[in-house]
Protein backbone atom coordinates (compact mmCIF):
# COMPACT_ATOMS: atom_id res chain seq x y z
CA MET A 1 0.12 -0.28 -0.09
CA ALA A 2 2.89 2.28 1.02
CA ASN A 3 4.61 1.67 -2.57
CA ASP A 4 1.22 2.66 -4.26
CA ILE A 5 0.72 5.87 -2.38
CA GLU A 6 4.54 6.70 -3.37
CA HIS A 7 3.64 6.32 -7.09
CA SER A 8 0.29 7.81 -7.19
CA HIS A 9 1.34 11.15 -7.89
CA TYR A 10 3.66 13.45 -9.80
CA TYR A 11 5.31 16.42 -8.56
CA VAL A 12 4.21 19.68 -10.34
CA PRO A 13 6.58 22.60 -9.38
CA GLU A 14 5.25 26.29 -8.94
CA ARG A 15 5.39 29.01 -11.49
CA THR A 16 9.29 30.19 -11.63
CA TRP A 17 11.09 33.17 -13.27
CA TRP A 18 14.33 31.02 -13.43
CA PRO A 19 13.62 29.96 -17.20
CA ILE A 20 12.99 33.57 -18.23
CA MET A 21 16.30 35.01 -16.51
CA GLY A 22 18.24 32.02 -18.32
CA SER A 23 16.99 32.91 -21.49
CA VAL A 24 17.92 36.62 -21.04
CA GLY A 25 21.26 35.85 -19.75
CA LEU A 26 21.84 33.30 -22.74
CA THR A 27 20.67 35.82 -25.31
CA ALA A 28 22.86 38.95 -23.88
CA LEU A 29 25.91 36.52 -23.59
CA VAL A 30 25.56 35.47 -27.31
CA ALA A 31 24.78 39.07 -28.48
CA GLY A 32 27.75 40.68 -26.49
CA PHE A 33 29.69 37.91 -28.03
CA SER A 34 28.74 38.26 -31.56
CA TYR A 35 29.31 42.06 -31.40
CA THR A 36 32.74 41.70 -30.04
CA LEU A 37 33.69 39.42 -32.86
CA ASN A 38 32.23 42.07 -35.33
CA GLY A 39 34.76 44.77 -33.81
CA GLY A 40 32.76 46.26 -31.49
CA ASP A 41 32.67 46.45 -27.40
CA GLY A 42 30.56 43.93 -26.32
CA LYS A 43 32.08 42.95 -23.15
CA TRP A 44 29.88 44.41 -20.71
CA VAL A 45 26.81 42.85 -22.20
CA MET A 46 28.69 39.67 -22.13
CA LEU A 47 29.40 40.08 -18.78
CA VAL A 48 25.76 40.84 -17.79
CA GLY A 49 24.62 38.05 -19.74
CA ALA A 50 27.05 35.28 -17.95
CA LEU A 51 26.19 37.13 -14.29
CA ALA A 52 22.61 36.54 -15.18
CA LEU A 53 23.12 32.95 -16.44
CA ALA A 54 25.20 32.30 -13.34
CA ALA A 55 22.32 33.76 -11.00
CA MET A 56 19.86 31.50 -12.67
CA LEU A 57 22.01 28.12 -12.63
CA VAL A 58 22.78 28.83 -8.74
CA GLY A 59 18.97 29.47 -7.98
CA TRP A 60 17.44 27.07 -10.08
CA PHE A 61 19.62 24.25 -9.14
CA GLY A 62 19.08 25.36 -5.37
CA GLN A 63 15.47 25.02 -6.21
CA VAL A 64 15.46 21.54 -7.60
CA ILE A 65 18.00 20.38 -4.74
CA HIS A 66 15.87 21.58 -2.16
CA GLU A 67 12.63 19.60 -3.92
CA SER A 68 14.76 16.59 -3.84
CA GLU A 69 15.84 16.66 -0.39
CA SER A 70 12.51 17.46 0.99
CA ARG A 71 11.44 14.00 -0.94
CA ALA A 72 9.15 15.98 -2.98
CA TYR A 73 9.94 13.53 -5.98
CA SER A 74 8.48 9.98 -6.27
CA GLY A 75 9.18 7.13 -8.17
CA TRP A 76 7.51 8.74 -11.33
CA GLU A 77 9.97 11.65 -11.20
CA ASP A 78 12.76 9.08 -10.93
CA ARG A 79 11.84 7.39 -14.27
CA THR A 80 11.53 10.66 -16.07
CA PHE A 81 14.62 12.20 -14.87
CA ARG A 82 16.44 8.93 -16.00
CA LEU A 83 14.39 9.16 -19.42
CA GLY A 84 15.29 12.85 -19.76
CA MET A 85 19.35 12.44 -19.33
CA SER A 86 19.16 9.35 -21.46
CA TRP A 87 17.62 11.30 -24.28
CA PHE A 88 20.13 14.24 -23.58
CA ILE A 89 23.21 11.97 -23.71
CA PHE A 90 21.83 10.50 -26.64
CA SER A 91 21.62 14.11 -28.31
CA GLU A 92 25.20 14.63 -27.46
CA VAL A 93 26.13 11.17 -29.16
CA MET A 94 24.41 12.63 -32.33
CA PHE A 95 26.38 16.06 -31.93
CA PHE A 96 29.87 14.60 -31.94
CA GLY A 97 28.83 12.23 -34.48
CA ALA A 98 28.20 14.63 -36.86
CA PHE A 99 31.67 16.02 -36.45
CA PHE A 100 33.26 12.71 -36.52
CA GLY A 101 31.34 11.97 -39.98
CA ALA A 102 32.97 15.26 -41.42
CA LEU A 103 36.26 13.84 -40.13
CA PHE A 104 35.71 10.68 -41.76
CA TYR A 105 34.40 12.12 -45.00
CA ALA A 106 37.38 14.42 -45.17
CA ARG A 107 39.93 11.54 -44.44
CA VAL A 108 38.27 8.59 -46.42
CA LEU A 109 36.49 10.44 -49.16
CA ALA A 110 37.54 13.95 -50.00
CA VAL A 111 41.32 13.96 -49.76
CA PRO A 112 41.80 10.73 -51.86
CA TRP A 113 39.19 12.02 -54.52
CA LEU A 114 40.94 15.40 -54.67
CA GLY A 115 44.01 13.42 -55.39
CA GLY A 116 42.55 11.44 -58.54
CA LEU A 117 41.25 8.46 -56.93
CA GLY A 118 37.96 6.87 -58.33
CA GLU A 119 37.17 8.88 -61.54
CA GLY A 120 40.83 9.18 -62.25
CA ALA A 121 40.55 13.04 -62.58
CA GLN A 122 43.43 14.99 -61.91
CA THR A 123 41.70 17.28 -59.38
CA HIS A 124 44.95 18.44 -57.70
CA GLN A 125 45.58 20.74 -60.83
CA TRP A 126 42.86 23.21 -59.43
CA LEU A 127 44.44 22.94 -56.12
CA TRP A 128 48.01 23.99 -55.63
CA ASP A 129 51.29 22.46 -56.97
CA SER A 130 52.62 20.97 -53.89
CA PHE A 131 49.05 19.25 -52.88
CA GLN A 132 49.56 15.81 -51.61
CA ALA A 133 46.52 13.51 -51.23
CA VAL A 134 47.57 12.42 -47.66
CA TRP A 135 46.48 12.80 -44.03
CA PRO A 136 46.99 15.44 -42.73
CA THR A 137 46.71 17.53 -45.65
CA ASN A 138 49.64 19.73 -46.05
CA GLY A 139 47.68 23.19 -46.69
CA PRO A 140 48.17 26.02 -49.11
CA GLN A 141 50.90 27.93 -47.26
CA LYS A 142 49.79 31.08 -48.44
CA LEU A 143 46.24 30.70 -46.57
CA GLY A 144 47.01 28.67 -43.46
CA GLY A 145 50.66 28.07 -43.52
CA THR A 146 52.57 25.08 -43.09
CA PHE A 147 52.07 23.17 -39.69
CA GLU A 148 52.74 20.10 -38.02
CA PRO A 149 50.15 17.68 -36.50
CA VAL A 150 49.71 17.31 -32.90
CA PRO A 151 51.76 13.79 -32.01
CA ALA A 152 49.83 11.38 -30.11
CA TRP A 153 52.23 10.17 -27.73
CA GLY A 154 52.59 13.18 -25.38
CA LEU A 155 50.00 15.16 -23.84
CA PRO A 156 47.09 13.40 -25.50
CA ALA A 157 48.31 10.04 -24.13
CA LEU A 158 48.59 11.69 -20.54
CA ASN A 159 45.42 13.10 -20.75
CA THR A 160 43.95 9.79 -21.96
CA LEU A 161 45.17 7.97 -18.85
CA ILE A 162 44.05 10.96 -16.78
CA LEU A 163 40.24 10.82 -18.15
CA LEU A 164 40.48 6.71 -17.72
CA SER A 165 41.74 7.17 -14.11
CA SER A 166 38.94 9.50 -13.41
CA ALA A 167 36.35 7.16 -14.97
CA GLY A 168 37.62 4.79 -12.30
CA ALA A 169 37.44 7.19 -9.44
CA VAL A 170 33.80 8.16 -10.13
CA THR A 171 32.84 4.44 -10.36
CA TRP A 172 34.71 3.95 -6.91
CA ALA A 173 32.75 6.76 -5.87
CA HIS A 174 29.28 5.34 -6.97
CA HIS A 175 29.97 1.90 -5.27
CA ALA A 176 30.87 3.62 -1.74
CA LEU A 177 27.63 5.55 -2.23
CA LYS A 178 25.48 2.49 -2.73
CA ARG A 179 27.40 0.84 0.34
CA GLY A 180 26.87 3.95 2.46
CA ASN A 181 30.86 4.65 2.58
CA ARG A 182 30.54 8.40 2.63
CA ARG A 183 33.95 8.74 3.04
CA ASN A 184 35.03 6.84 0.02
CA LEU A 185 32.21 8.41 -1.89
CA ILE A 186 33.73 12.30 -1.19
CA LEU A 187 37.37 10.77 -1.54
CA GLY A 188 36.46 9.00 -5.24
CA LEU A 189 34.55 12.46 -6.50
CA SER A 190 37.40 14.61 -5.24
CA CYS A 191 40.09 12.59 -7.27
CA THR A 192 37.22 12.58 -10.34
CA VAL A 193 36.98 16.60 -9.74
CA LEU A 194 40.79 17.12 -9.65
CA LEU A 195 41.45 14.71 -12.60
CA GLY A 196 38.96 16.52 -14.74
CA PHE A 197 40.22 19.96 -14.48
CA LEU A 198 43.97 18.96 -14.82
CA PHE A 199 42.74 17.70 -17.91
CA VAL A 200 41.60 20.84 -19.20
CA ILE A 201 44.73 22.77 -17.91
CA LEU A 202 46.58 20.31 -19.80
CA GLN A 203 44.42 20.72 -23.04
CA GLY A 204 45.00 24.43 -22.80
CA LYS A 205 48.89 23.77 -22.67
CA GLU A 206 48.57 21.56 -25.68
CA TYR A 207 46.43 24.23 -27.59
CA LEU A 208 49.30 27.00 -26.71
CA HIS A 209 52.01 24.60 -28.00
CA ALA A 210 49.90 23.69 -31.34
CA HIS A 211 49.15 27.41 -31.91
CA THR A 212 52.75 28.70 -31.22
CA GLU A 213 55.22 26.08 -32.03
CA LEU A 214 53.29 24.00 -34.60
CA ASN A 215 51.48 26.71 -36.36
CA LEU A 216 48.37 24.71 -36.23
CA SER A 217 44.95 26.59 -36.16
CA LEU A 218 41.25 26.70 -37.18
CA GLY A 219 42.79 28.13 -40.74
CA SER A 220 44.92 25.18 -41.23
CA GLY A 221 42.80 23.38 -43.62
CA ILE A 222 40.44 20.27 -42.90
CA TYR A 223 42.85 19.02 -40.40
CA GLY A 224 42.89 22.23 -38.32
CA SER A 225 39.14 22.70 -38.73
CA THR A 226 38.12 19.00 -37.42
CA PHE A 227 40.92 19.07 -34.81
CA PHE A 228 39.98 22.30 -33.08
CA MET A 229 36.25 21.71 -33.35
CA LEU A 230 36.30 18.00 -31.84
CA THR A 231 38.90 18.50 -29.27
CA GLY A 232 37.43 22.00 -28.24
CA PHE A 233 33.87 20.90 -27.97
CA HIS A 234 35.12 17.92 -25.86
CA GLY A 235 37.18 20.15 -23.72
CA LEU A 236 33.83 22.31 -23.10
CA HIS A 237 32.13 18.88 -22.10
CA VAL A 238 34.91 18.25 -19.87
CA THR A 239 34.68 21.49 -18.27
CA LEU A 240 31.02 20.97 -17.80
CA GLY A 241 31.24 17.51 -16.36
CA ALA A 242 33.84 18.56 -13.90
CA VAL A 243 31.59 21.56 -12.70
CA MET A 244 28.49 19.30 -12.42
CA LEU A 245 30.73 16.77 -10.44
CA SER A 246 31.81 19.70 -8.36
CA VAL A 247 28.34 20.64 -7.12
CA ILE A 248 27.51 16.67 -6.59
CA LEU A 249 30.67 16.93 -4.19
CA LEU A 250 29.65 20.03 -2.26
CA ARG A 251 26.24 18.03 -1.80
CA ALA A 252 28.00 15.04 -0.63
CA LEU A 253 29.88 16.98 1.84
CA ARG A 254 26.82 18.38 3.08
CA GLY A 255 25.37 14.90 3.69
CA HIS A 256 23.23 14.79 0.53
CA PHE A 257 22.34 11.44 -1.20
CA THR A 258 21.43 7.93 0.23
CA PRO A 259 22.21 4.55 -1.35
CA GLU A 260 18.49 4.39 -2.39
CA HIS A 261 18.15 8.15 -3.74
CA HIS A 262 21.07 9.59 -5.58
CA PHE A 263 19.94 9.85 -9.01
CA ALA A 264 21.80 13.34 -9.65
CA PHE A 265 25.19 11.53 -8.63
CA GLU A 266 24.09 8.84 -11.28
CA ALA A 267 23.49 11.62 -13.86
CA ALA A 268 26.68 13.34 -13.56
CA ALA A 269 28.58 9.85 -13.70
CA TRP A 270 26.62 9.04 -16.85
CA TYR A 271 27.84 12.25 -18.18
CA TRP A 272 31.39 11.66 -17.25
CA HIS A 273 31.50 8.07 -18.81
CA PHE A 274 29.96 9.53 -22.15
CA VAL A 275 32.91 12.30 -22.02
CA ASP A 276 35.34 9.69 -21.54
CA VAL A 277 34.25 7.44 -24.32
CA VAL A 278 33.96 10.45 -26.83
CA TRP A 279 37.67 11.26 -25.85
CA LEU A 280 38.90 7.58 -26.39
CA PHE A 281 37.36 7.92 -30.03
CA LEU A 282 38.97 11.15 -30.29
CA PHE A 283 42.56 9.72 -29.28
CA ILE A 284 42.37 7.22 -31.69
CA PHE A 285 41.01 8.81 -34.82
CA VAL A 286 42.01 12.46 -34.38
CA TYR A 287 45.55 11.99 -32.33
CA TRP A 288 46.66 8.24 -33.17
CA LEU A 289 45.80 7.09 -36.73
């Protein structure tokens, strides 16, 4: 009977202004950024947008956390949260799939075709004299300049080890939570957060090296474009994941989560494992092969 009562209602939150504030903040942030890119001074608009967005995140997250800790949610909400997070991660898979598709098309189809493969047409005669149908393409010197590809067995290999270690740490924390071991939960989460931000710092160092010493940029042909789009968006996702896990860590320090009720932790862990898997594909197809 108690189980029927628990699943007999669906929590409906009260009206809130947080979505409107978030929309205004995002609009101001994007508008200021676009204005700055076009030579204007949009930094103050960007600042206002960023502050409004940050206030929305803190306020709205706080409201949802309060609802969760007050046991306002039932089994219906839990299933909805799981479905929502599953579809969100699926959309992220499609997002990265589009960029991996562009990389596959360029490497396997476009570059060989430009070299005369297939129809046998000498298409390279319309490009530049030194064009070679190999990956990474050498690029027109007058446009992007000569560049060197980023080697796999340096910082990328180290970052791979870091992310794999962080995946193990968050899994350890999850098992500790299910056993009610709060000490190991906090320790595992702390290791995961530190490793995540270390990854971001090392990727920034890698970008600096690539730009200043390897002359690699978004203008370095298709290799530079796909490299920075894939690794850049992945770095953004790592940053967001590390912030999410930081919030989870703060909640754990305040005594939140029980072995039976901890989907917020699971959602962040799912997202982190997704980020880890994407990086493995990046390391293999962008850096290694």
